C-alpha atoms as a PDB file:
ATOM      1  CA  MET A   1     -15.750  -7.103  -5.180  1.00  0.00           C
ATOM      2  CA  SER A   2     -17.984  -4.483  -6.508  1.00  0.00           C
ATOM      3  CA  THR A   3     -18.248  -2.487  -3.234  1.00  0.00           C
ATOM      4  CA  CYS A   4     -14.524  -2.505  -2.149  1.00  0.00           C
ATOM      5  CA  ILE A   5     -13.168   0.975  -2.331  1.00  0.00           C
ATOM      6  CA  PHE A   6      -9.773  -0.221  -3.646  1.00  0.00           C
ATOM      7  CA  CYS A   7     -11.339  -2.329  -6.186  1.00  0.00           C
ATOM      8  CA  ARG A   8     -13.326   0.750  -7.340  1.00  0.00           C
ATOM      9  CA  ILE A   9     -10.236   2.824  -7.484  1.00  0.00           C
ATOM     10  CA  ALA A  10      -8.453   0.093  -9.506  1.00  0.00           C
ATOM     11  CA  ARG A  11     -11.328  -0.006 -11.983  1.00  0.00           C
ATOM     12  CA  GLY A  12     -11.225   3.865 -12.288  1.00  0.00           C
ATOM     13  CA  GLU A  13     -14.822   4.135 -10.704  1.00  0.00           C
ATOM     14  CA  ALA A  14     -13.498   6.146  -7.573  1.00  0.00           C
ATOM     15  CA  PRO A  15     -11.207   9.125  -7.509  1.00  0.00           C
ATOM     16  CA  ALA A  16      -7.551   8.687  -6.416  1.00  0.00           C
ATOM     17  CA  ARG A  17      -4.391  10.558  -6.711  1.00  0.00           C
ATOM     18  CA  VAL A  18      -2.590   7.829  -8.777  1.00  0.00           C
ATOM     19  CA  VAL A  19       1.250   7.620  -8.563  1.00  0.00           C
ATOM     20  CA  LEU A  20       1.761   4.344 -10.495  1.00  0.00           C
ATOM     21  CA  GLU A  21      -0.401   2.153 -12.723  1.00  0.00           C
ATOM     22  CA  LEU A  22       0.682  -1.263 -13.762  1.00  0.00           C
ATOM     23  CA  PRO A  23      -1.409  -4.057 -15.232  1.00  0.00           C
ATOM     24  CA  ARG A  24      -1.663  -5.947 -11.972  1.00  0.00           C
ATOM     25  CA  VAL A  25      -0.891  -3.108  -9.449  1.00  0.00           C
ATOM     26  CA  ILE A  26      -1.956   0.500  -8.818  1.00  0.00           C
ATOM     27  CA  ALA A  27      -0.468   2.940  -6.239  1.00  0.00           C
ATOM     28  CA  PHE A  28      -2.104   5.976  -5.009  1.00  0.00           C
ATOM     29  CA  HIS A  29      -1.826   8.668  -2.283  1.00  0.00           C
ATOM     30  CA  ASP A  30      -3.578   7.794   1.069  1.00  0.00           C
ATOM     31  CA  ILE A  31      -6.451  10.179   1.773  1.00  0.00           C
ATOM     32  CA  ARG A  32      -5.341  10.392   5.435  1.00  0.00           C
ATOM     33  CA  PRO A  33      -1.575  10.460   5.283  1.00  0.00           C
ATOM     34  CA  LEU A  34       0.446   9.646   8.364  1.00  0.00           C
ATOM     35  CA  ALA A  35       3.699  10.965   6.904  1.00  0.00           C
ATOM     36  CA  PRO A  36       4.672  13.573   4.174  1.00  0.00           C
ATOM     37  CA  VAL A  37       4.617  10.767   1.612  1.00  0.00           C
ATOM     38  CA  HIS A  38       2.007   8.166   2.353  1.00  0.00           C
ATOM     39  CA  VAL A  39       1.220   5.960  -0.825  1.00  0.00           C
ATOM     40  CA  LEU A  40      -0.883   2.860  -0.938  1.00  0.00           C
ATOM     41  CA  VAL A  41       0.313   0.041  -3.231  1.00  0.00           C
ATOM     42  CA  VAL A  42      -2.678  -2.250  -4.121  1.00  0.00           C
ATOM     43  CA  PRO A  43      -3.206  -5.319  -6.271  1.00  0.00           C
ATOM     44  CA  ARG A  44      -5.904  -4.657  -8.873  1.00  0.00           C
ATOM     45  CA  GLU A  45      -7.538  -7.981  -8.132  1.00  0.00           C
ATOM     46  CA  HIS A  46      -9.202  -8.310  -4.751  1.00  0.00           C
ATOM     47  CA  VAL A  47      -7.153 -10.039  -2.182  1.00  0.00           C
ATOM     48  CA  ALA A  48      -8.408  -9.479   1.299  1.00  0.00           C
ATOM     49  CA  SER A  49      -5.148  -9.331   3.115  1.00  0.00           C
ATOM     50  CA  LEU A  50      -1.568 -10.526   3.079  1.00  0.00           C
ATOM     51  CA  TRP A  51      -2.910 -13.691   4.834  1.00  0.00           C
ATOM     52  CA  GLU A  52      -4.771 -14.568   1.722  1.00  0.00           C
ATOM     53  CA  LEU A  53      -2.085 -13.821  -0.752  1.00  0.00           C
ATOM     54  CA  THR A  54      -0.909 -17.082  -2.487  1.00  0.00           C
ATOM     55  CA  ASP A  55       0.522 -15.773  -5.727  1.00  0.00           C
ATOM     56  CA  PRO A  56       4.428 -15.280  -5.331  1.00  0.00           C
ATOM     57  CA  GLN A  57       4.540 -13.342  -8.612  1.00  0.00           C
ATOM     58  CA  LEU A  58       2.043 -10.930  -7.390  1.00  0.00           C
ATOM     59  CA  ALA A  59       3.861 -10.684  -4.008  1.00  0.00           C
ATOM     60  CA  GLY A  60       6.972  -9.708  -5.917  1.00  0.00           C
ATOM     61  CA  GLU A  61       5.103  -7.233  -8.302  1.00  0.00           C
ATOM     62  CA  LEU A  62       3.742  -5.569  -5.038  1.00  0.00           C
ATOM     63  CA  LEU A  63       7.205  -5.261  -3.450  1.00  0.00           C
ATOM     64  CA  ALA A  64       8.907  -4.015  -6.715  1.00  0.00           C
ATOM     65  CA  SER A  65       6.051  -1.528  -7.164  1.00  0.00           C
ATOM     66  CA  ALA A  66       6.511  -0.108  -3.559  1.00  0.00           C
ATOM     67  CA  ALA A  67      10.222   0.339  -4.348  1.00  0.00           C
ATOM     68  CA  GLN A  68       9.437   1.976  -7.590  1.00  0.00           C
ATOM     69  CA  VAL A  69       7.041   4.360  -5.865  1.00  0.00           C
ATOM     70  CA  ALA A  70       9.808   5.266  -3.358  1.00  0.00           C
ATOM     71  CA  ARG A  71      12.267   6.027  -6.048  1.00  0.00           C
ATOM     72  CA  GLN A  72       9.731   8.138  -7.949  1.00  0.00           C
ATOM     73  CA  LEU A  73       8.717   9.989  -4.851  1.00  0.00           C
ATOM     74  CA  ASP A  74      12.607  10.708  -4.041  1.00  0.00           C
ATOM     75  CA  LEU A  75      12.636   8.665  -0.777  1.00  0.00           C
ATOM     76  CA  GLU A  76      16.300   7.958  -1.143  1.00  0.00           C
ATOM     77  CA  ARG A  77      17.082   8.777   2.596  1.00  0.00           C
ATOM     78  CA  GLY A  78      14.679   5.976   3.489  1.00  0.00           C
ATOM     79  CA  PHE A  79      11.102   4.881   3.829  1.00  0.00           C
ATOM     80  CA  ARG A  80       8.837   2.383   5.680  1.00  0.00           C
ATOM     81  CA  LEU A  81       6.767  -0.343   4.107  1.00  0.00           C
ATOM     82  CA  ILE A  82       3.825  -1.670   6.189  1.00  0.00           C
ATOM     83  CA  ALA A  83       1.224  -4.216   5.549  1.00  0.00           C
ATOM     84  CA  ASN A  84      -1.279  -4.313   8.298  1.00  0.00           C
ATOM     85  CA  THR A  85      -2.949  -7.692   8.156  1.00  0.00           C
ATOM     86  CA  ARG A  86      -6.372  -8.526   9.400  1.00  0.00           C
ATOM     87  CA  ASP A  87      -8.113  -6.978  12.530  1.00  0.00           C
ATOM     88  CA  ASP A  88      -5.237  -7.520  15.191  1.00  0.00           C
ATOM     89  CA  GLY A  89      -2.838  -6.254  12.714  1.00  0.00           C
ATOM     90  CA  GLY A  90      -4.802  -2.977  12.264  1.00  0.00           C
ATOM     91  CA  GLN A  91      -6.068  -3.445   8.686  1.00  0.00           C
ATOM     92  CA  GLU A  92      -8.871  -1.090   8.027  1.00  0.00           C
ATOM     93  CA  VAL A  93      -9.829  -1.798   4.409  1.00  0.00           C
ATOM     94  CA  ALA A  94     -10.250  -5.571   3.604  1.00  0.00           C
ATOM     95  CA  HIS A  95      -8.136  -5.419   0.506  1.00  0.00           C
ATOM     96  CA  LEU A  96      -4.476  -6.057   0.480  1.00  0.00           C
ATOM     97  CA  HIS A  97      -2.488  -2.950   0.547  1.00  0.00           C
ATOM     98  CA  LEU A  98       1.047  -1.866   1.316  1.00  0.00           C
ATOM     99  CA  HIS A  99       1.850   1.557   2.866  1.00  0.00           C
ATOM    100  CA  VAL A 100       4.803   3.356   1.590  1.00  0.00           C
ATOM    101  CA  LEU A 101       5.588   6.041   4.147  1.00  0.00           C
ATOM    102  CA  GLY A 102       8.581   8.607   4.049  1.00  0.00           C
ATOM    103  CA  GLY A 103       9.607  12.057   3.745  1.00  0.00           C
ATOM    104  CA  ARG A 104      10.883  12.447   7.278  1.00  0.00           C
ATOM    105  CA  SER A 105      12.420  10.352   9.947  1.00  0.00           C
ATOM    106  CA  LEU A 106       9.830   7.892  11.113  1.00  0.00           C
ATOM    107  CA  GLY A 107      11.456   6.816  14.246  1.00  0.00           C
ATOM    108  CA  PRO A 108      11.189   3.473  15.857  1.00  0.00           C
ATOM    109  CA  MET A 109       8.952   0.897  14.391  1.00  0.00           C
ATOM    110  CA  LEU A 110       6.750   0.280  17.472  1.00  0.00           C
ATOM    111  CA  ALA A 111       6.610   1.498  21.043  1.00  0.00           C
ATOM    112  CA  ARG A 112       8.502  -1.195  23.238  1.00  0.00           C
ATOM    113  CA  ARG A 113       5.586  -2.649  25.041  1.00  0.00           C
ATOM    114  CA  VAL A 114       4.659  -6.186  25.203  1.00  0.00           C
END
């Protein structure tokens, strides 16, 4: 999609602090970090969310890329990988992306409320 910010970053048309570039995946620092390390791992092709992801090879490349980013940024003590999906899942940009967060203890995953 021509107006999608993550597509524009993947094409080199918008600025980003790139951490990893592969043929099908790009990773870059989030502009509003929620942890000392906060990197987004994004497929270069437009996939709206994890719900629409049907390519198991691309899914594997995204996960392997997230692990590579964590190693590259010395997150040996641990990190969190998040894929917010669609509106109720908190997805803010309609392009599949994985958040790699780390650099400090991140605490419990969610508040215990139902």
